[in-house]
Amino acid sequence: PLSPRDWLAPGGAVVLDDFTPRTGWPPLLDGAPDRPRLHWLEHPDLCTTEVVTGPASATLVGILR
């Protein structure tokens, strides 16, 4: 997976879309942990949140620490 430190300046933001809103923790995809989403939500170099943009859509927004 992409390393945010390689792509972002300090304080830089990453925005990732095409997610569905999560309904619990950990977020699941087809009954298994949603690894791509967890990569960004739990990345130690980022402060990331999920923004629900519609009934079936969500976006992740992360800021490099």
Protein backbone atom coordinates (compact mmCIF):
# COMPACT_ATOMS: atom_id res chain seq x y z
CA PRO A 1 0.00 0.00 0.00
CA LEU A 2 0.91 3.61 -0.52
CA SER A 3 2.96 5.29 2.21
CA PRO A 4 1.55 8.74 3.03
CA ARG A 5 5.01 10.06 3.97
CA ASP A 6 6.17 9.39 0.41
CA TRP A 7 3.33 11.38 -1.14
CA LEU A 8 2.29 14.12 1.27
CA ALA A 9 3.99 17.20 2.66
CA PRO A 10 3.67 17.74 6.42
CA GLY A 11 0.05 18.69 7.11
CA GLY A 12 -0.97 17.46 3.65
CA ALA A 13 -4.32 15.79 3.08
CA VAL A 14 -5.41 12.63 1.33
CA VAL A 15 -9.02 12.13 0.22
CA LEU A 16 -10.22 8.66 -0.78
CA ASP A 17 -13.71 7.96 -2.04
CA ASP A 18 -15.76 5.00 -3.28
CA PHE A 19 -16.35 3.53 0.17
CA THR A 20 -19.70 2.54 1.62
CA PRO A 21 -20.56 3.81 5.11
CA ARG A 22 -19.37 1.45 7.79
CA THR A 23 -21.94 0.02 10.15
CA GLY A 24 -19.66 -1.19 12.94
CA TRP A 25 -16.12 -1.74 14.08
CA PRO A 26 -14.06 -3.15 12.62
CA PRO A 27 -15.41 -2.16 9.22
CA LEU A 28 -16.23 -5.23 7.16
CA LEU A 29 -16.24 -5.97 3.45
CA ASP A 30 -17.96 -9.20 2.42
CA GLY A 31 -17.80 -10.41 6.03
CA ALA A 32 -14.05 -9.88 6.45
CA PRO A 33 -12.11 -6.88 7.78
CA ASP A 34 -11.99 -4.10 5.19
CA ARG A 35 -8.19 -3.96 4.88
CA PRO A 36 -7.96 -0.99 2.47
CA ARG A 37 -10.17 1.15 4.71
CA LEU A 38 -8.32 0.03 7.85
CA HIS A 39 -4.98 0.87 6.21
CA TRP A 40 -5.99 4.52 6.02
CA LEU A 41 -8.02 4.76 9.23
CA GLU A 42 -5.32 3.18 11.39
CA HIS A 43 -2.20 4.44 9.64
CA PRO A 44 0.17 5.82 12.31
CA ASP A 45 1.24 8.75 10.11
CA LEU A 46 -2.32 9.95 9.50
CA CYS A 47 -5.23 11.35 11.41
CA THR A 48 -8.11 9.99 9.31
CA THR A 49 -11.87 10.14 9.57
CA GLU A 50 -14.75 8.80 7.52
CA VAL A 51 -17.26 11.27 6.11
CA VAL A 52 -20.59 9.82 5.03
CA THR A 53 -21.54 11.61 1.83
CA GLY A 54 -24.79 9.78 1.06
CA PRO A 55 -26.86 6.77 2.06
CA ALA A 56 -24.48 4.41 0.24
CA SER A 57 -21.28 6.43 -0.01
CA ALA A 58 -18.44 7.52 2.24
CA THR A 59 -15.10 9.27 1.86
CA LEU A 60 -11.98 9.02 3.99
CA VAL A 61 -10.08 12.22 4.74
CA GLY A 62 -6.65 11.98 6.31
CA ILE A 63 -4.08 14.58 7.38
CA LEU A 64 -0.40 13.74 7.64
CA ARG A 65 0.74 14.11 11.25
